[in-house]
């Protein structure tokens, strides 16, 4: 029987996780690692920018966007794309429909919080496959 876990285990892109809080970060990191992902977690936008500049392996950025301060998460995603146009971005947000589309990077889905790591794995697999299809 075919499973999402088996399909994901073949090739997992390195993930940079910028969670909304420490507990979410810990649970998400453990969940993604359970699916074979190499996960780097940061607690700040500044630290994430440093990692994006120094670690060329990162191909997925997962960033939580707080509605009270959307600019930090949105700016991080834009900076990541400017540094590497091939980086995939996933936003997480409590109320995704409140994020202004014009401020988001192109092709970046938004996953509603709270979420389960397997949901994030599915989103990452979708955007990674879509990116590979465009590159071919």
Protein backbone atom coordinates (compact mmCIF):
# COMPACT_ATOMS: atom_id res chain seq x y z
CA UNK A 1 0.00 0.00 0.00
CA UNK A 2 1.31 3.45 -0.95
CA UNK A 3 1.57 6.00 1.83
CA UNK A 4 2.48 9.66 2.08
CA UNK A 5 5.23 8.75 4.52
CA UNK A 6 6.84 6.36 2.01
CA UNK A 7 6.67 8.91 -0.81
CA UNK A 8 8.16 11.63 1.37
CA UNK A 9 11.01 9.44 2.61
CA UNK A 10 12.53 9.29 -0.88
CA UNK A 11 13.84 12.87 -1.01
CA UNK A 12 13.24 15.38 1.74
CA UNK A 13 14.24 18.98 1.23
CA UNK A 14 16.01 20.68 4.16
CA UNK A 15 13.52 22.83 6.10
CA UNK A 16 14.01 26.07 8.03
CA UNK A 17 11.23 26.39 10.60
CA UNK A 18 10.34 29.73 12.19
CA UNK A 19 7.47 28.77 14.51
CA UNK A 20 5.09 31.03 16.37
CA UNK A 21 6.13 29.63 19.74
CA UNK A 22 8.64 27.26 21.29
CA UNK A 23 6.23 24.34 21.87
CA UNK A 24 4.90 24.46 18.29
CA UNK A 25 8.48 24.56 17.06
CA UNK A 26 9.48 21.53 19.11
CA UNK A 27 6.44 19.46 18.11
CA UNK A 28 6.70 20.40 14.44
CA UNK A 29 10.44 19.76 14.31
CA UNK A 30 10.02 16.31 15.87
CA UNK A 31 7.13 15.52 13.54
CA UNK A 32 9.03 16.56 10.41
CA UNK A 33 12.11 14.65 11.55
CA UNK A 34 9.89 11.60 11.93
CA UNK A 35 9.22 11.89 8.20
CA UNK A 36 12.95 12.12 7.50
CA UNK A 37 13.33 15.87 7.10
CA UNK A 38 16.43 17.73 8.22
CA UNK A 39 14.96 20.63 10.21
CA UNK A 40 16.63 23.80 11.43
CA UNK A 41 14.56 25.81 13.90
CA UNK A 42 14.99 29.45 14.80
CA UNK A 43 13.20 31.64 17.28
CA UNK A 44 13.66 34.93 15.45
CA UNK A 45 13.48 36.44 11.99
CA UNK A 46 17.04 37.74 12.37
CA UNK A 47 18.41 34.29 13.14
CA UNK A 48 16.45 32.86 10.21
CA UNK A 49 17.95 35.47 7.86
CA UNK A 50 21.45 34.54 9.05
CA UNK A 51 20.76 30.84 8.43
CA UNK A 52 19.35 31.55 4.97
CA UNK A 53 22.50 33.51 4.09
CA UNK A 54 24.91 30.89 5.41
CA UNK A 55 23.15 27.61 4.61
CA UNK A 56 22.58 27.17 0.88
CA UNK A 57 21.02 23.74 1.46
CA UNK A 58 17.76 25.16 2.83
CA UNK A 59 15.06 24.68 0.23
CA UNK A 60 11.90 25.16 2.32
CA UNK A 61 11.09 28.01 4.69
CA UNK A 62 8.14 27.53 7.05
CA UNK A 63 7.34 30.80 8.77
CA UNK A 64 4.56 31.61 11.21
CA UNK A 65 2.94 34.95 10.53
CA UNK A 66 1.30 36.63 13.49
CA UNK A 67 -1.57 38.95 12.56
CA UNK A 68 -0.44 41.55 15.07
CA UNK A 69 2.97 41.71 13.33
CA UNK A 70 2.60 40.32 9.82
CA UNK A 71 5.43 42.41 8.42
CA UNK A 72 8.26 40.38 10.04
CA UNK A 73 7.19 37.00 8.64
CA UNK A 74 6.23 38.40 5.26
CA UNK A 75 9.54 40.29 5.01
CA UNK A 76 11.46 37.14 5.91
CA UNK A 77 9.77 35.21 3.12
CA UNK A 78 10.53 37.98 0.61
CA UNK A 79 14.18 38.13 1.73
CA UNK A 80 14.46 34.34 1.41
CA UNK A 81 13.10 34.46 -2.13
CA UNK A 82 15.38 37.34 -3.09
CA UNK A 83 18.38 35.40 -1.79
CA UNK A 84 17.27 32.19 -3.54
CA UNK A 85 14.36 32.35 -6.01
CA UNK A 86 14.02 28.54 -5.78
CA UNK A 87 13.30 28.43 -2.04
CA UNK A 88 9.81 27.16 -1.26
CA UNK A 89 7.84 29.10 1.34
CA UNK A 90 4.99 27.92 3.55
CA UNK A 91 3.22 30.42 5.76
CA UNK A 92 1.42 29.34 8.91
CA UNK A 93 -1.18 31.61 10.45
CA UNK A 94 -4.17 31.43 12.78
CA UNK A 95 -6.39 33.25 10.29
CA UNK A 96 -4.85 32.69 6.84
CA UNK A 97 -7.51 34.57 4.90
CA UNK A 98 -6.46 37.75 6.71
CA UNK A 99 -2.96 37.66 5.18
CA UNK A 100 -2.84 40.08 2.27
CA UNK A 101 -2.20 38.10 -0.93
CA UNK A 102 -0.26 41.00 -2.46
CA UNK A 103 2.24 40.79 0.42
CA UNK A 104 2.89 37.05 0.16
CA UNK A 105 5.55 35.57 -2.08
CA UNK A 106 4.27 33.92 -5.23
CA UNK A 107 3.18 30.30 -4.96
CA UNK A 108 3.42 30.16 -1.16
CA UNK A 109 0.54 28.36 0.53
CA UNK A 110 -0.69 29.19 4.01
CA UNK A 111 -1.46 26.47 6.52
CA UNK A 112 -3.90 27.34 9.29
CA UNK A 113 -2.59 26.99 12.84
CA UNK A 114 -2.84 24.84 14.81
CA UNK A 115 -1.76 22.12 12.41
CA UNK A 116 -0.41 18.60 12.68
CA UNK A 117 3.08 17.91 11.28
CA UNK A 118 1.65 15.44 8.74
CA UNK A 119 -0.40 18.31 7.26
CA UNK A 120 2.78 20.35 6.86
CA UNK A 121 4.52 17.36 5.27
CA UNK A 122 1.73 17.18 2.70
CA UNK A 123 2.00 20.88 1.89
CA UNK A 124 5.79 20.68 1.56
CA UNK A 125 5.49 17.65 -0.73
CA UNK A 126 2.96 19.49 -2.91
CA UNK A 127 5.02 22.64 -3.37
CA UNK A 128 8.26 20.70 -3.79
CA UNK A 129 6.69 18.55 -6.53
CA UNK A 130 5.20 21.64 -8.19
CA UNK A 131 8.59 23.35 -8.14
CA UNK A 132 10.31 20.29 -9.63
CA UNK A 133 7.68 20.12 -12.40
CA UNK A 134 8.35 23.77 -13.33
CA UNK A 135 12.11 23.23 -13.30
CA UNK A 136 11.91 20.26 -15.68
